[in-house]
Amino acid sequence: MRYVRMPIEVESPEEYGYDAIRYNLSESSIADQSLSGLGLTVPDLTLLYTEHRGARGLRALVVAGAPGLDADDVLITAGAAGALFIVATALLTAEDHLVVVRPNYATNLETPRAIGCPIGFVDLSFENGFQIDLQAIAAAITPRTRLISVTCPHNPTGVITDEARLRALADLAAEHGCRLLVDETYGELAYDGALPIAASFGPHVISVASLSKAYGVPGIRIGWLVCRDPALQTLFLAAKEQIGICGSVVDEWIAEQVLARRAALLQPTLAEMRRRLDRVAAWMQGEPLLEWVRPTGGVVCFPRMTTEPPGGTDGFYRRLLERDGTYVGPGHWFEQPDRYFRLGYGWPTAEALDGGLEAISRALRG
């Protein structure tokens, strides 16, 4: 493994310093929650080794109501990042080939690179509404391709691929003897109804998600992977046991309480995120220096500058942060040109969102 720090982490707001940012529009989740805000008090738990797969009650809650899936299809991991690391290191070698639909979350790129696995990229197009191109993916598959990697709902654009196309992608992977990895971290933040868990489409499909984005609890580091193939689950469990044996008793207890109240927590969140998205849409409509594809899920969007700003994109980002105290995620976080940027509208307060949007408009003009 040859590790390289990812720009999205090197330049993250926690690394830069939260106290140096007035309007933080770079985050990709809802606002961070507290134990008291969730109405939770951690009981006197026994700090033992937990079940290696994760607490059964928690695993059952992950797939509650999902047809064809049960607790045995779930492995609890250290966040979605932990799940992605397990999948990549368990399935890929330097002799294999990976197809990645890009832009994509950085871990889906950098862990395979650390392994030395060759990657074939299929870039999403702004002009095509950032929709998955099945023909382009088919053309990128080689005899050595073992895995196809996509995110849905998509990060950083917030675009959701419809169920029919996602199922067609699963069928395409099966035809070529590949496995399909679907990063569903924003799956429960879908404004027109959530898609089925992709792992239900076939035993060759792996779904990955976490509590970090939709529930605002990234600090407990709880994610999971879902797969119906028992042999794959055994392989993934072996990887987890060699990395950390099992999860945290405290983290899993908190996660179980959160998922047990899934509907009560998600309903107000979705209502507020729809309001936030409408606010961003109104701003975008009046901002001729930007264009976008309106998201249908998640809490991020990926606007594109229509003209070169004064001083170029470097000048724009410098003014935005140093003069206006506003932070967004530049395109290079996702291996895209910096005329794109990821704008997160779920984490800041409504007032901070307004202030950040106004600052972006100022910085675009010099």
Protein backbone atom coordinates (compact mmCIF):
# COMPACT_ATOMS: atom_id res chain seq x y z
CA MET A 1 0.00 0.00 0.00
CA ARG A 2 1.29 3.44 -0.92
CA TYR A 3 -0.72 5.99 1.00
CA VAL A 4 -1.11 9.59 -0.16
CA ARG A 5 -3.14 12.17 1.76
CA MET A 6 -6.29 13.19 -0.10
CA PRO A 7 -6.76 16.91 -0.93
CA ILE A 8 -10.29 16.78 0.49
CA GLU A 9 -8.76 15.82 3.86
CA VAL A 10 -5.63 17.98 3.72
CA GLU A 11 -7.83 21.01 2.99
CA SER A 12 -10.77 19.99 5.18
CA PRO A 13 -12.27 22.65 7.46
CA GLU A 14 -11.21 20.72 10.55
CA GLU A 15 -7.61 20.83 9.31
CA TYR A 16 -7.82 24.49 8.29
CA GLY A 17 -9.48 25.41 11.58
CA TYR A 18 -13.16 25.98 12.20
CA ASP A 19 -12.41 29.20 14.04
CA ALA A 20 -10.91 30.66 10.84
CA ILE A 21 -14.13 30.13 8.85
CA ARG A 22 -17.19 32.31 9.25
CA TYR A 23 -19.50 30.66 6.70
CA ASN A 24 -18.68 26.98 6.28
CA LEU A 25 -20.37 25.77 3.10
CA SER A 26 -17.83 23.00 2.48
CA GLU A 27 -19.43 20.35 4.68
CA SER A 28 -21.32 17.45 3.16
CA SER A 29 -23.74 16.54 5.95
CA ILE A 30 -26.47 18.02 8.06
CA ALA A 31 -25.40 19.90 11.18
CA ASP A 32 -23.49 17.89 13.77
CA GLN A 33 -25.78 16.56 16.48
CA SER A 34 -25.14 16.16 20.21
CA LEU A 35 -26.13 13.40 22.58
CA SER A 36 -28.38 15.76 24.53
CA GLY A 37 -29.95 17.08 21.34
CA LEU A 38 -30.82 13.52 20.39
CA GLY A 39 -32.19 12.92 23.88
CA LEU A 40 -29.60 10.25 24.64
CA THR A 41 -27.73 9.44 27.82
CA VAL A 42 -25.22 6.63 27.47
CA PRO A 43 -25.94 3.91 30.05
CA ASP A 44 -23.38 1.97 32.06
CA LEU A 45 -22.31 -0.29 29.20
CA THR A 46 -19.94 -3.20 29.60
CA LEU A 47 -16.90 -2.37 27.48
CA LEU A 48 -16.38 -5.81 25.98
CA TYR A 49 -15.50 -7.01 22.50
CA THR A 50 -18.74 -6.68 20.54
CA GLU A 51 -20.01 -9.17 17.99
CA HIS A 52 -17.50 -8.90 15.17
CA ARG A 53 -20.16 -8.31 12.51
CA GLY A 54 -21.72 -5.60 14.67
CA ALA A 55 -24.61 -5.81 17.13
CA ARG A 56 -27.39 -7.88 15.59
CA GLY A 57 -30.07 -5.39 16.55
CA LEU A 58 -28.15 -2.61 14.80
CA ARG A 59 -27.61 -4.72 11.69
CA ALA A 60 -31.31 -5.54 11.56
CA LEU A 61 -32.19 -1.84 11.77
CA VAL A 62 -29.86 -1.01 8.85
CA VAL A 63 -31.99 -3.12 6.47
CA ALA A 64 -35.35 -2.80 8.23
CA GLY A 65 -38.11 -2.86 5.62
CA ALA A 66 -35.74 -3.71 2.75
CA PRO A 67 -37.14 -6.66 0.77
CA GLY A 68 -34.79 -9.62 0.45
CA LEU A 69 -32.24 -8.36 2.97
CA ASP A 70 -31.69 -9.26 6.61
CA ALA A 71 -29.17 -8.72 9.41
CA ASP A 72 -26.86 -11.44 8.09
CA ASP A 73 -26.30 -9.36 4.94
CA VAL A 74 -24.87 -6.44 6.97
CA LEU A 75 -21.37 -5.78 8.28
CA ILE A 76 -20.94 -2.77 10.58
CA THR A 77 -17.77 -0.79 9.83
CA ALA A 78 -15.88 2.29 11.00
CA GLY A 79 -17.89 4.72 8.90
CA ALA A 80 -18.56 4.39 5.20
CA ALA A 81 -14.84 5.09 4.68
CA GLY A 82 -14.04 1.91 6.60
CA ALA A 83 -16.46 -0.06 4.44
CA LEU A 84 -14.94 1.33 1.24
CA PHE A 85 -11.45 0.46 2.47
CA ILE A 86 -12.51 -3.10 3.25
CA VAL A 87 -14.14 -3.57 -0.15
CA ALA A 88 -11.17 -2.21 -2.08
CA THR A 89 -8.49 -4.10 -0.16
CA ALA A 90 -10.47 -7.35 -0.15
CA LEU A 91 -11.37 -7.36 -3.85
CA LEU A 92 -8.66 -5.50 -5.74
CA THR A 93 -5.00 -6.13 -6.50
CA ALA A 94 -2.46 -4.59 -8.83
CA GLU A 95 -3.42 -7.23 -11.41
CA ASP A 96 -7.10 -6.26 -11.43
CA HIS A 97 -8.99 -3.35 -12.96
CA LEU A 98 -11.57 -0.99 -11.48
CA VAL A 99 -14.11 1.22 -13.26
CA VAL A 100 -14.96 4.38 -11.34
CA VAL A 101 -17.72 6.80 -12.28
CA ARG A 102 -16.22 10.23 -11.56
CA PRO A 103 -16.51 12.63 -9.78
CA ASN A 104 -16.58 10.31 -6.82
CA TYR A 105 -15.75 10.35 -3.14
CA ALA A 106 -11.96 10.48 -2.78
CA THR A 107 -11.63 7.20 -0.86
CA ASN A 108 -13.15 5.37 -3.83
CA LEU A 109 -10.15 6.60 -5.85
CA GLU A 110 -7.22 6.77 -3.47
CA THR A 111 -7.48 3.37 -1.78
CA PRO A 112 -7.39 1.50 -5.12
CA ARG A 113 -4.47 3.70 -6.15
CA ALA A 114 -2.64 2.82 -2.93
CA ILE A 115 -3.12 -0.84 -3.85
CA GLY A 116 -1.77 -0.16 -7.33
CA CYS A 117 -4.98 -1.21 -9.04
CA PRO A 118 -5.43 0.32 -12.53
CA ILE A 119 -8.56 2.50 -12.80
CA GLY A 120 -10.71 3.26 -15.80
CA PHE A 121 -12.62 6.51 -15.33
CA VAL A 122 -16.05 7.30 -16.72
CA ASP A 123 -16.61 11.02 -16.22
CA LEU A 124 -20.10 12.33 -15.64
CA SER A 125 -21.13 15.25 -17.83
CA PHE A 126 -22.66 18.53 -16.69
CA GLU A 127 -24.42 18.73 -20.07
CA ASN A 128 -25.96 15.27 -19.44
CA GLY A 129 -27.22 16.27 -16.01
CA PHE A 130 -24.50 14.16 -14.30
CA GLN A 131 -26.45 11.02 -15.17
CA ILE A 132 -24.77 7.62 -15.42
CA ASP A 133 -23.89 6.66 -19.00
CA LEU A 134 -24.33 2.89 -19.27
CA GLN A 135 -22.70 2.69 -22.69
CA ALA A 136 -19.62 4.55 -21.48
CA ILE A 137 -19.32 2.22 -18.49
CA ALA A 138 -19.69 -0.83 -20.72
CA ALA A 139 -16.93 0.51 -22.97
CA ALA A 140 -14.62 0.99 -19.96
CA ILE A 141 -14.92 -2.63 -18.78
CA THR A 142 -11.95 -4.87 -19.59
CA PRO A 143 -11.38 -8.61 -19.08
CA ARG A 144 -9.53 -7.70 -15.85
CA THR A 145 -12.32 -5.53 -14.41
CA ARG A 146 -13.46 -6.85 -11.05
CA LEU A 147 -15.42 -3.91 -9.68
CA ILE A 148 -17.53 -0.95 -10.87
CA SER A 149 -17.83 1.93 -8.39
CA VAL A 150 -20.60 4.55 -8.34
CA THR A 151 -22.23 6.84 -5.78
CA CYS A 152 -26.01 7.28 -5.64
CA PRO A 153 -27.29 9.76 -4.55
CA HIS A 154 -24.23 11.32 -6.07
CA ASN A 155 -21.51 13.18 -4.21
CA PRO A 156 -20.76 16.03 -5.00
CA THR A 157 -23.67 16.84 -7.36
CA GLY A 158 -26.67 15.57 -5.39
CA VAL A 159 -28.06 13.90 -8.53
CA ILE A 160 -29.93 10.60 -8.10
CA THR A 161 -29.88 7.95 -10.80
CA ASP A 162 -33.33 6.46 -11.28
CA GLU A 163 -33.97 2.89 -10.15
CA ALA A 164 -34.32 1.48 -13.66
CA ARG A 165 -30.90 2.77 -14.69
CA LEU A 166 -29.29 1.57 -11.48
CA ARG A 167 -30.78 -1.89 -11.99
CA ALA A 168 -29.53 -1.84 -15.58
CA LEU A 169 -26.05 -1.06 -14.25
CA ALA A 170 -26.29 -4.02 -11.87
CA ASP A 171 -27.30 -6.22 -14.81
CA LEU A 172 -24.36 -4.89 -16.84
CA ALA A 173 -21.95 -5.76 -14.04
CA ALA A 174 -23.40 -9.27 -13.78
CA GLU A 175 -23.07 -9.80 -17.55
CA HIS A 176 -19.36 -9.02 -17.35
CA GLY A 177 -18.72 -11.01 -14.17
CA CYS A 178 -18.03 -7.83 -12.18
CA ARG A 179 -19.18 -6.71 -8.80
CA LEU A 180 -20.95 -3.38 -8.41
CA LEU A 181 -20.18 -1.07 -5.48
CA VAL A 182 -22.83 1.55 -4.78
CA ASP A 183 -21.93 4.22 -2.22
CA GLU A 184 -25.37 5.08 -0.80
CA THR A 185 -24.25 7.37 2.00
CA TYR A 186 -26.96 9.92 1.06
CA GLY A 187 -29.58 7.27 0.34
CA GLU A 188 -32.01 8.42 3.02
CA LEU A 189 -31.77 12.05 1.92
CA ALA A 190 -33.75 11.58 -1.30
CA TYR A 191 -36.38 14.27 -1.85
CA ASP A 192 -38.69 12.20 -4.04
CA GLY A 193 -38.42 8.95 -2.12
CA ALA A 194 -35.45 6.71 -1.39
CA LEU A 195 -34.27 4.07 -3.83
CA PRO A 196 -34.11 0.42 -2.74
CA ILE A 197 -30.82 -0.64 -1.18
CA ALA A 198 -28.84 -1.62 -4.26
CA ALA A 199 -27.55 -4.81 -2.63
CA SER A 200 -31.08 -6.18 -3.06
CA PHE A 201 -30.51 -6.20 -6.85
CA GLY A 202 -28.25 -9.25 -6.70
CA PRO A 203 -25.53 -11.01 -4.68
CA HIS A 204 -22.85 -9.31 -6.79
CA VAL A 205 -23.92 -5.83 -5.62
CA ILE A 206 -22.39 -4.20 -2.53
CA SER A 207 -24.04 -1.23 -0.84
CA VAL A 208 -22.14 1.09 1.49
CA ALA A 209 -23.58 3.81 3.74
CA SER A 210 -23.26 5.42 7.15
CA LEU A 211 -24.95 7.59 9.75
CA SER A 212 -22.63 10.54 9.13
CA LYS A 213 -24.50 12.54 6.49
CA ALA A 214 -28.25 12.13 6.99
CA TYR A 215 -28.15 11.92 10.79
CA GLY A 216 -25.30 14.31 11.60
CA VAL A 217 -23.31 11.93 13.81
CA PRO A 218 -19.96 11.49 12.01
CA GLY A 219 -18.15 11.42 15.35
CA ILE A 220 -19.38 7.94 16.25
CA ARG A 221 -17.82 6.43 13.10
CA ILE A 222 -20.60 4.00 12.24
CA GLY A 223 -21.06 2.78 8.70
CA TRP A 224 -21.86 -0.51 7.02
CA LEU A 225 -21.69 -2.58 3.92
CA VAL A 226 -24.56 -4.74 2.71
CA CYS A 227 -24.09 -7.77 0.46
CA ARG A 228 -26.15 -10.93 -0.03
CA ASP A 229 -23.18 -13.13 -0.98
CA PRO A 230 -22.19 -15.16 2.15
CA ALA A 231 -18.69 -15.86 0.82
CA LEU A 232 -18.10 -12.15 0.26
CA GLN A 233 -19.42 -11.35 3.73
CA THR A 234 -16.94 -13.83 5.20
CA LEU A 235 -14.12 -12.18 3.25
CA PHE A 236 -15.17 -8.71 4.38
CA LEU A 237 -15.48 -9.90 7.98
CA ALA A 238 -11.95 -11.29 7.82
CA ALA A 239 -10.74 -7.87 6.68
CA LYS A 240 -12.58 -6.11 9.49
CA GLU A 241 -11.20 -8.50 12.10
CA GLN A 242 -7.65 -7.93 10.91
CA ILE A 243 -8.11 -4.13 10.89
CA GLY A 244 -9.86 -3.71 14.23
CA ILE A 245 -11.57 -6.96 15.31
CA CYS A 246 -14.89 -5.32 16.15
CA GLY A 247 -16.61 -2.00 16.63
CA SER A 248 -17.08 0.28 19.63
CA VAL A 249 -19.69 -0.70 22.21
CA VAL A 250 -20.57 2.95 22.78
CA ASP A 251 -20.73 3.87 19.09
CA GLU A 252 -22.94 0.91 18.23
CA TRP A 253 -25.30 1.64 21.12
CA ILE A 254 -25.73 5.24 19.96
CA ALA A 255 -26.22 4.11 16.37
CA GLU A 256 -28.93 1.66 17.39
CA GLN A 257 -30.81 4.37 19.27
CA VAL A 258 -30.58 6.69 16.26
CA LEU A 259 -31.80 4.13 13.72
CA ALA A 260 -34.60 3.03 16.04
CA ARG A 261 -35.93 6.60 15.67
CA ARG A 262 -35.21 6.78 11.93
CA ALA A 263 -38.56 8.20 10.79
CA ALA A 264 -38.82 10.73 13.62
CA LEU A 265 -35.34 12.06 12.87
CA LEU A 266 -35.48 12.01 9.07
CA GLN A 267 -38.88 13.64 8.55
CA PRO A 268 -37.94 17.09 9.93
CA THR A 269 -34.48 16.84 8.38
CA LEU A 270 -35.91 16.26 4.90
CA ALA A 271 -38.39 19.11 5.32
CA GLU A 272 -35.63 21.51 6.35
CA MET A 273 -33.27 20.36 3.59
CA ARG A 274 -35.99 20.95 0.98
CA ARG A 275 -36.32 24.51 2.31
CA ARG A 276 -32.55 24.97 2.17
CA LEU A 277 -32.41 23.64 -1.39
CA ASP A 278 -35.15 26.04 -2.46
CA ARG A 279 -33.12 28.88 -0.96
CA VAL A 280 -30.04 27.86 -2.94
CA ALA A 281 -32.16 27.48 -6.08
CA ALA A 282 -33.53 31.00 -5.71
CA TRP A 283 -29.98 32.33 -5.32
CA MET A 284 -28.76 30.35 -8.33
CA GLN A 285 -31.59 31.73 -10.46
CA GLY A 286 -30.38 35.25 -9.73
CA GLU A 287 -26.67 34.49 -10.11
CA PRO A 288 -25.66 34.66 -13.80
CA LEU A 289 -22.03 33.82 -13.04
CA LEU A 290 -22.96 30.27 -11.99
CA GLU A 291 -24.90 27.35 -13.45
CA TRP A 292 -25.86 24.03 -11.89
CA VAL A 293 -27.80 20.80 -12.08
CA ARG A 294 -30.39 20.97 -9.32
CA PRO A 295 -29.91 18.13 -6.81
CA THR A 296 -32.60 15.58 -6.07
CA GLY A 297 -30.96 14.25 -2.91
CA GLY A 298 -28.21 14.77 -0.38
CA VAL A 299 -27.17 18.13 1.01
CA VAL A 300 -24.61 19.23 -1.58
CA CYS A 301 -24.59 20.66 -5.09
CA PHE A 302 -21.84 21.28 -7.64
CA PRO A 303 -22.18 24.70 -9.33
CA ARG A 304 -20.00 25.68 -12.27
CA MET A 305 -18.67 29.17 -13.00
CA THR A 306 -19.92 30.48 -16.34
CA THR A 307 -16.94 32.82 -16.84
CA GLU A 308 -13.41 33.09 -15.47
CA PRO A 309 -13.55 35.20 -12.27
CA PRO A 310 -11.13 38.11 -11.75
CA GLY A 311 -7.74 36.66 -10.87
CA GLY A 312 -8.85 33.22 -12.04
CA THR A 313 -10.24 30.49 -9.81
CA ASP A 314 -7.29 30.84 -7.41
CA GLY A 315 -8.22 34.48 -6.89
CA PHE A 316 -11.86 33.55 -6.32
CA TYR A 317 -11.10 30.98 -3.61
CA ARG A 318 -8.57 33.26 -1.95
CA ARG A 319 -11.01 36.19 -1.78
CA LEU A 320 -13.81 33.95 -0.64
CA LEU A 321 -11.88 32.58 2.32
CA GLU A 322 -9.42 35.32 3.31
CA ARG A 323 -11.69 38.32 2.74
CA ASP A 324 -15.18 36.87 3.24
CA GLY A 325 -14.46 33.97 5.62
CA THR A 326 -16.39 31.53 3.45
CA TYR A 327 -15.32 27.98 2.63
CA VAL A 328 -16.52 25.72 -0.19
CA GLY A 329 -15.07 22.51 -1.67
CA PRO A 330 -13.06 23.30 -4.84
CA GLY A 331 -13.39 21.01 -7.83
CA HIS A 332 -9.93 19.48 -7.38
CA TRP A 333 -11.23 17.69 -4.28
CA PHE A 334 -13.03 15.50 -6.82
CA GLU A 335 -10.42 15.60 -9.61
CA GLN A 336 -12.51 18.17 -11.49
CA PRO A 337 -11.60 21.68 -12.68
CA ASP A 338 -11.76 24.38 -10.01
CA ARG A 339 -14.44 26.27 -11.94
CA TYR A 340 -16.69 23.73 -10.17
CA PHE A 341 -17.12 23.76 -6.41
CA ARG A 342 -19.10 21.71 -3.94
CA LEU A 343 -21.53 23.77 -1.92
CA GLY A 344 -23.00 22.18 1.20
CA TYR A 345 -26.30 23.66 2.32
CA GLY A 346 -27.19 21.27 5.16
CA TRP A 347 -24.49 21.90 7.77
CA PRO A 348 -24.49 25.69 8.37
CA THR A 349 -27.34 27.52 10.05
CA ALA A 350 -29.87 29.10 7.70
CA GLU A 351 -28.34 32.50 8.47
CA ALA A 352 -24.80 31.26 7.76
CA LEU A 353 -26.00 29.73 4.50
CA ASP A 354 -27.40 33.09 3.41
CA GLY A 355 -24.19 34.85 4.41
CA GLY A 356 -22.08 32.32 2.52
CA LEU A 357 -24.16 32.60 -0.64
CA GLU A 358 -23.83 36.38 -0.60
CA ALA A 359 -20.07 36.03 -0.09
CA ILE A 360 -19.77 33.69 -3.09
CA SER A 361 -21.51 36.24 -5.29
CA ARG A 362 -19.12 38.97 -4.10
CA ALA A 363 -16.04 36.83 -4.61
CA LEU A 364 -17.09 35.91 -8.14
CA ARG A 365 -17.00 39.61 -9.05
CA GLY A 366 -13.65 40.44 -7.54
